[in-house]
Protein backbone atom coordinates (compact mmCIF):
# COMPACT_ATOMS: atom_id res chain seq x y z
CA MET A 1 -19.69 -6.05 0.14
CA SER A 2 -16.61 -7.69 -1.60
CA VAL A 3 -13.81 -5.22 -1.26
CA ARG A 4 -13.30 -4.67 -5.54
CA LYS A 5 -11.73 -1.96 -5.70
CA ALA A 6 -8.07 -0.74 -4.38
CA ILE A 7 -6.34 2.72 -4.32
CA ILE A 8 -2.51 2.75 -5.37
CA PRO A 9 -1.17 6.54 -4.81
CA ILE A 10 1.87 6.75 -6.77
CA ALA A 11 2.15 10.42 -7.19
CA GLY A 12 5.40 12.32 -5.83
CA ARG A 13 8.90 13.20 -7.28
CA GLY A 14 10.62 10.31 -5.87
CA THR A 15 12.94 12.50 -4.37
CA ARG A 16 14.86 10.15 -2.30
CA GLN A 17 15.56 7.74 -5.87
CA LEU A 18 17.16 10.62 -7.30
CA PRO A 19 18.91 10.85 -10.40
CA ALA A 20 16.89 7.60 -11.05
CA THR A 21 13.82 9.02 -10.88
CA TRP A 22 14.81 12.27 -13.24
CA ALA A 23 14.46 9.71 -16.00
CA ILE A 24 11.35 7.55 -15.00
CA PRO A 25 8.63 7.75 -12.21
CA LYS A 26 9.44 6.21 -9.18
CA ALA A 27 6.96 3.36 -9.60
CA MET A 28 8.06 2.28 -12.85
CA MET A 29 11.96 1.58 -11.52
CA PRO A 30 12.46 -1.57 -12.55
CA MET A 31 13.00 -4.91 -10.22
CA VAL A 32 13.39 -8.72 -10.94
CA ASP A 33 10.82 -10.26 -10.54
CA ARG A 34 10.49 -14.32 -9.13
CA ASP A 35 10.06 -15.31 -12.76
CA GLY A 36 13.23 -13.92 -13.66
CA LEU A 37 11.74 -10.83 -15.44
CA ALA A 38 12.17 -7.41 -15.53
CA LYS A 39 9.32 -5.44 -14.27
CA PRO A 40 8.17 -2.12 -13.16
CA LEU A 41 7.71 -1.72 -9.25
CA LEU A 42 4.24 -0.85 -9.62
CA HIS A 43 3.48 -3.53 -12.17
CA LEU A 44 4.32 -6.20 -8.86
CA LEU A 45 1.86 -3.84 -6.43
CA ILE A 46 -0.98 -4.59 -9.12
CA ALA A 47 -0.45 -8.39 -9.10
CA GLU A 48 -0.50 -7.79 -5.16
CA ALA A 49 -3.93 -6.26 -5.79
CA PHE A 50 -5.57 -8.55 -8.10
CA SER A 51 -3.84 -11.62 -5.92
CA ALA A 52 -6.39 -10.51 -3.05
CA GLY A 53 -9.39 -10.68 -5.54
CA ILE A 54 -9.35 -6.76 -6.22
CA GLU A 55 -11.03 -6.19 -9.65
CA ARG A 56 -10.67 -2.38 -10.16
CA VAL A 57 -7.48 -0.41 -9.10
CA ALA A 58 -7.45 3.67 -8.83
CA LEU A 59 -3.70 5.39 -8.82
CA VAL A 60 -3.48 8.32 -7.57
CA VAL A 61 -0.51 10.44 -9.57
CA SER A 62 0.71 13.44 -9.90
CA PRO A 63 0.15 16.15 -12.90
CA GLY A 64 2.46 14.81 -15.80
CA GLN A 65 2.48 11.62 -14.43
CA GLN A 66 -0.27 9.95 -16.36
CA GLY A 67 0.98 9.27 -19.73
CA ASP A 68 3.84 7.72 -18.02
CA VAL A 69 1.21 5.27 -16.31
CA GLU A 70 -1.32 4.32 -19.97
CA ARG A 71 1.64 3.57 -21.81
CA TYR A 72 2.86 0.62 -19.71
CA PHE A 73 -0.45 -0.83 -19.68
CA ARG A 74 -1.42 -1.70 -23.14
CA ARG A 75 -0.25 -4.55 -24.75
CA PHE A 76 3.21 -4.39 -26.79
CA ASP A 77 3.32 -3.20 -30.04
CA ASP A 78 2.43 -6.07 -33.43
CA ASP A 79 6.20 -5.24 -34.25
CA LEU A 80 7.10 -5.95 -30.92
CA VAL A 81 4.62 -9.05 -30.31
CA GLN A 82 6.23 -10.53 -33.76
CA ALA A 83 9.62 -10.12 -32.39
CA LEU A 84 8.74 -12.17 -29.35
CA VAL A 85 7.29 -14.94 -31.14
CA ASN A 86 9.85 -17.51 -29.51
CA LYS A 87 9.28 -16.00 -25.99
CA PRO A 88 6.21 -17.56 -24.58
CA GLU A 89 6.64 -15.70 -20.94
CA LEU A 90 6.95 -12.38 -22.58
CA LEU A 91 3.64 -12.76 -24.91
CA ALA A 92 2.02 -14.00 -21.84
CA VAL A 93 2.95 -10.55 -20.09
CA SER A 94 1.52 -8.43 -23.06
CA GLU A 95 -1.67 -10.04 -23.17
CA GLN A 96 -1.98 -9.49 -18.92
CA LEU A 97 -0.56 -5.45 -19.67
CA GLY A 98 -3.87 -5.18 -22.17
CA ASP A 99 -6.25 -6.57 -19.71
CA TRP A 100 -4.65 -4.98 -16.69
CA GLY A 101 -5.00 -1.49 -18.95
CA ARG A 102 -8.83 -2.11 -19.23
CA ARG A 103 -9.07 -2.40 -15.22
CA VAL A 104 -6.66 0.43 -14.21
CA GLU A 105 -7.06 4.17 -14.11
CA CYS A 106 -5.32 7.27 -12.96
CA ILE A 107 -6.72 10.06 -10.88
CA GLU A 108 -4.63 12.96 -10.80
CA GLN A 109 -3.62 14.61 -7.27
CA PRO A 110 -3.48 18.03 -8.41
CA THR A 111 -1.18 19.48 -5.77
CA PRO A 112 1.13 17.51 -3.01
CA GLU A 113 -0.77 17.87 0.19
CA GLY A 114 -0.28 14.54 1.97
CA PHE A 115 -0.56 11.07 1.72
CA GLY A 116 -4.49 11.23 2.99
CA HIS A 117 -4.88 14.01 0.01
CA ALA A 118 -3.90 11.56 -2.49
CA VAL A 119 -6.50 8.88 -0.77
CA TRP A 120 -9.05 11.69 -0.34
CA CYS A 121 -8.73 12.38 -4.78
CA ALA A 122 -9.91 9.01 -5.10
CA LYS A 123 -13.50 9.62 -3.19
CA ASP A 124 -15.84 10.44 -5.92
CA TRP A 125 -14.21 6.87 -8.03
CA LEU A 126 -14.67 4.56 -4.86
CA GLY A 127 -18.19 5.52 -3.98
CA ASN A 128 -19.47 3.37 -0.95
CA GLU A 129 -17.34 0.53 -1.53
CA PRO A 130 -14.62 -0.88 1.24
CA PHE A 131 -11.27 -0.85 -0.95
CA LEU A 132 -7.76 -1.88 -0.35
CA LEU A 133 -5.10 0.57 0.04
CA MET A 134 -1.37 -0.29 -0.85
CA LEU A 135 1.80 2.40 -0.63
CA GLY A 136 2.79 2.95 -3.94
CA ASP A 137 6.50 2.68 -3.33
CA TYR A 138 6.50 -0.86 -1.33
CA LEU A 139 7.40 -4.49 -2.14
CA PHE A 140 5.39 -7.08 -0.28
CA VAL A 141 6.69 -10.23 -0.12
CA SER A 142 4.42 -12.87 2.00
CA ASP A 143 6.09 -15.60 4.34
CA GLU A 144 2.94 -18.46 3.03
CA PRO A 145 0.63 -18.68 0.32
CA ARG A 146 -1.47 -15.99 0.75
CA SER A 147 -0.26 -13.00 -0.79
CA CYS A 148 0.20 -10.28 2.30
CA ALA A 149 -2.99 -8.01 0.83
CA GLN A 150 -5.19 -11.24 0.38
CA GLN A 151 -4.46 -12.12 3.90
CA VAL A 152 -5.66 -8.45 5.22
CA VAL A 153 -8.36 -8.51 2.63
CA ASP A 154 -9.18 -12.10 4.55
CA VAL A 155 -9.62 -10.77 7.79
CA PHE A 156 -11.75 -7.81 6.47
CA GLU A 157 -13.92 -10.21 4.70
CA GLN A 158 -14.24 -12.31 8.02
CA HIS A 159 -14.68 -9.44 10.45
CA ARG A 160 -16.41 -7.04 8.37
CA PRO A 161 -14.65 -3.74 10.81
CA ALA A 162 -14.84 -0.12 9.46
CA ALA A 163 -11.02 -0.72 9.30
CA ILE A 164 -8.04 -3.09 9.26
CA SER A 165 -4.40 -2.47 9.41
CA GLY A 166 -1.97 -4.67 8.07
CA MET A 167 0.84 -4.25 10.91
CA TYR A 168 4.41 -5.51 11.69
CA ALA A 169 6.21 -5.37 14.88
CA CYS A 170 9.06 -2.55 14.80
CA ASP A 171 11.88 -1.27 17.30
CA ALA A 172 12.38 1.92 18.58
CA GLU A 173 14.82 2.59 16.00
CA THR A 174 12.01 2.64 13.44
CA LEU A 175 9.31 4.59 15.49
CA PRO A 176 10.42 8.37 14.18
CA ARG A 177 9.79 6.66 10.48
CA VAL A 178 6.24 5.15 10.74
CA GLY A 179 2.80 5.44 12.11
CA VAL A 180 2.36 3.25 15.35
CA MET A 181 -0.74 1.45 16.87
CA ARG A 182 -1.42 -0.21 20.29
CA GLY A 183 -3.41 -3.35 20.38
CA ARG A 184 -5.74 -5.05 22.50
CA PRO A 185 -5.65 -9.17 21.16
CA LEU A 186 -8.88 -10.22 19.66
CA ASP A 187 -9.94 -13.77 20.73
CA ASP A 188 -6.83 -14.87 22.28
CA ARG A 189 -5.54 -14.74 18.45
CA SER A 190 -1.71 -13.75 19.00
CA ASP A 191 -1.99 -11.67 15.64
CA LEU A 192 -5.15 -9.83 15.82
CA PHE A 193 -5.77 -6.67 17.58
CA VAL A 194 -8.54 -4.56 17.75
CA SER A 195 -7.23 -1.19 17.40
CA GLN A 196 -7.24 1.18 20.79
CA LEU A 197 -4.54 4.77 19.36
CA ILE A 198 -3.30 5.44 16.17
CA VAL A 199 0.01 7.96 16.50
CA GLU A 200 1.97 8.94 13.31
CA LYS A 201 6.15 8.88 13.96
CA PRO A 202 5.53 8.88 18.04
CA SER A 203 8.48 9.83 20.21
CA LEU A 204 10.37 6.88 22.02
CA GLN A 205 8.89 8.41 25.41
CA ARG A 206 5.64 8.64 24.08
CA ALA A 207 5.43 5.16 22.65
CA ARG A 208 6.49 3.57 25.92
CA ALA A 209 4.00 5.69 27.82
CA GLU A 210 0.68 5.16 25.40
CA ILE A 211 0.95 2.49 22.78
CA VAL A 212 1.97 -0.74 24.16
CA THR A 213 0.48 -3.45 22.78
CA PRO A 214 -0.29 -6.71 25.06
CA GLY A 215 1.42 -9.83 24.16
CA LEU A 216 4.55 -7.91 22.35
CA PRO A 217 7.76 -8.51 23.42
CA PRO A 218 9.48 -5.26 25.33
CA ASN A 219 10.74 -2.03 23.19
CA THR A 220 8.31 -3.64 20.51
CA TRP A 221 5.53 -2.16 18.96
CA LEU A 222 2.85 -2.22 16.15
CA ALA A 223 3.45 -0.40 13.45
CA HIS A 224 1.74 -0.08 9.74
CA PHE A 225 2.72 -2.78 7.49
CA GLY A 226 2.07 -0.68 4.14
CA ASN A 227 -1.39 -2.31 3.40
CA HIS A 228 -5.14 -1.49 4.78
CA VAL A 229 -9.14 -2.54 4.05
CA PHE A 230 -11.14 0.25 4.56
CA THR A 231 -14.91 1.10 4.18
CA SER A 232 -16.10 4.26 2.58
CA ALA A 233 -16.46 5.75 5.96
CA ILE A 234 -12.87 6.42 5.90
CA MET A 235 -13.49 8.83 3.30
CA ASP A 236 -16.12 10.78 5.76
CA GLU A 237 -13.20 11.64 7.62
CA LEU A 238 -10.67 12.71 5.09
CA ASP A 239 -13.34 15.04 3.41
CA THR A 240 -14.17 16.98 6.71
CA MET A 241 -10.11 17.13 7.11
CA VAL A 242 -10.13 18.43 3.57
CA ARG A 243 -13.14 20.98 3.54
CA GLN A 244 -12.05 22.20 7.45
CA ASN A 245 -8.18 22.30 6.48
CA ILE A 246 -7.27 19.78 9.87
CA ARG A 247 -3.24 19.33 8.45
CA GLU A 248 -0.41 18.06 10.46
CA ARG A 249 3.13 19.27 9.42
CA GLY A 250 0.83 21.59 6.75
CA GLU A 251 -0.39 18.22 5.45
CA ILE A 252 -3.36 16.43 5.68
CA GLN A 253 -2.57 12.84 7.14
CA MET A 254 -3.54 9.41 6.58
CA THR A 255 -2.69 8.36 9.75
CA ALA A 256 -4.74 11.38 11.66
CA ALA A 257 -8.05 10.20 9.11
CA GLN A 258 -7.85 6.88 10.82
CA GLU A 259 -7.48 7.98 14.57
CA ARG A 260 -10.57 9.98 13.61
CA LEU A 261 -12.30 7.13 12.96
CA ARG A 262 -11.37 4.52 15.36
CA ALA A 263 -11.83 7.42 17.88
CA ALA A 264 -15.17 8.10 16.54
CA GLY A 265 -16.20 4.53 17.95
CA ALA A 266 -15.36 2.57 14.84
CA PRO A 267 -14.84 -1.06 14.73
CA TYR A 268 -10.80 -0.95 13.64
CA LEU A 269 -8.47 -3.90 13.53
CA ALA A 270 -5.07 -4.66 13.13
CA LEU A 271 -3.64 -8.04 11.89
CA LEU A 272 0.44 -8.83 11.96
CA VAL A 273 1.08 -9.92 8.25
CA SER A 274 2.88 -12.99 8.16
CA GLY A 275 5.18 -11.32 5.42
CA ARG A 276 7.67 -8.72 5.21
CA ALA A 277 7.37 -4.85 3.70
CA TYR A 278 10.34 -3.68 1.75
CA ASP A 279 10.64 0.95 1.33
CA ALA A 280 11.59 1.03 -1.97
CA GLY A 281 11.48 3.85 -2.38
CA ILE A 282 14.51 4.80 -1.10
CA PRO A 283 18.23 2.92 -2.68
CA ALA A 284 18.62 1.11 0.45
CA GLY A 285 15.13 -0.14 0.44
CA TRP A 286 15.16 -0.98 -3.54
CA LEU A 287 18.16 -3.08 -2.90
CA GLN A 288 16.64 -5.05 0.06
CA ALA A 289 13.19 -5.72 -1.88
CA GLN A 290 15.42 -6.88 -4.89
CA GLN A 291 17.63 -9.65 -2.41
CA ALA A 292 14.63 -10.98 -1.75
CA LEU A 293 12.92 -11.26 -5.06
CA SER A 294 16.43 -12.97 -5.89
CA SER A 295 16.22 -15.50 -2.79
CA LEU A 296 12.66 -16.27 -4.15
CA SER A 297 13.46 -16.91 -7.64
CA GLN A 298 16.64 -19.27 -6.34
CA GLY A 299 14.27 -21.08 -3.93
């Protein structure tokens, strides 16, 4: 079965971007895209998903967020369309948003119980299909013609594992902020690995002792890029964790569900994505993301 669905959790207060997120949801923070148009970050994420062949997207939202999101994914009002008669690029966006509004829907996460819990909230919507999962406050910039999402989906379609995670090579300073994986190179490829261990925010000591991946430079580790493709098997793990109240640091952790799936023997791959991921949920990351888009538009 092809990957037709995507889940993008955007729930949360956006406290790292206050006071701007006091006015607008974090996913609606504007960025100037490659075409020079100002668009919410969420717009760029939806475009990323659709670039990979996705047909339907579920946005996992906090209580009260749904209205803001749904108001965006609709055609411009008629009076605004008339005012833009000489702006074909904006009229095209209006039609695009009208189409997207039929393919994007919101699912509420009633209480903030972790990233894994947010994904689990879309379990019934997903059914038994594979899905693309993307972080809702990241911007992805590919270094090749295919989008970052398309790269991960392509490898999933080729190998059909239970899961594949996009990865990048991180240094010791980054370890306390990311999920990290130990991998075994697959078929002599330098960019594709079989996952052997997944750990959330490991200490440097543990990373050096247990999470070293052959083929990477010294003091470099595989870290989550921010996009994955999973079969519905990950939902079974999340369902068990929710029902049995299995938590880490008080939350249902996505990384813990990934490790449970891998440890159960499910085929789990990791791909070094040809591209860059920017954490636009923090001011410095947002600025870096905007600078990356600006450099692309100038090029």
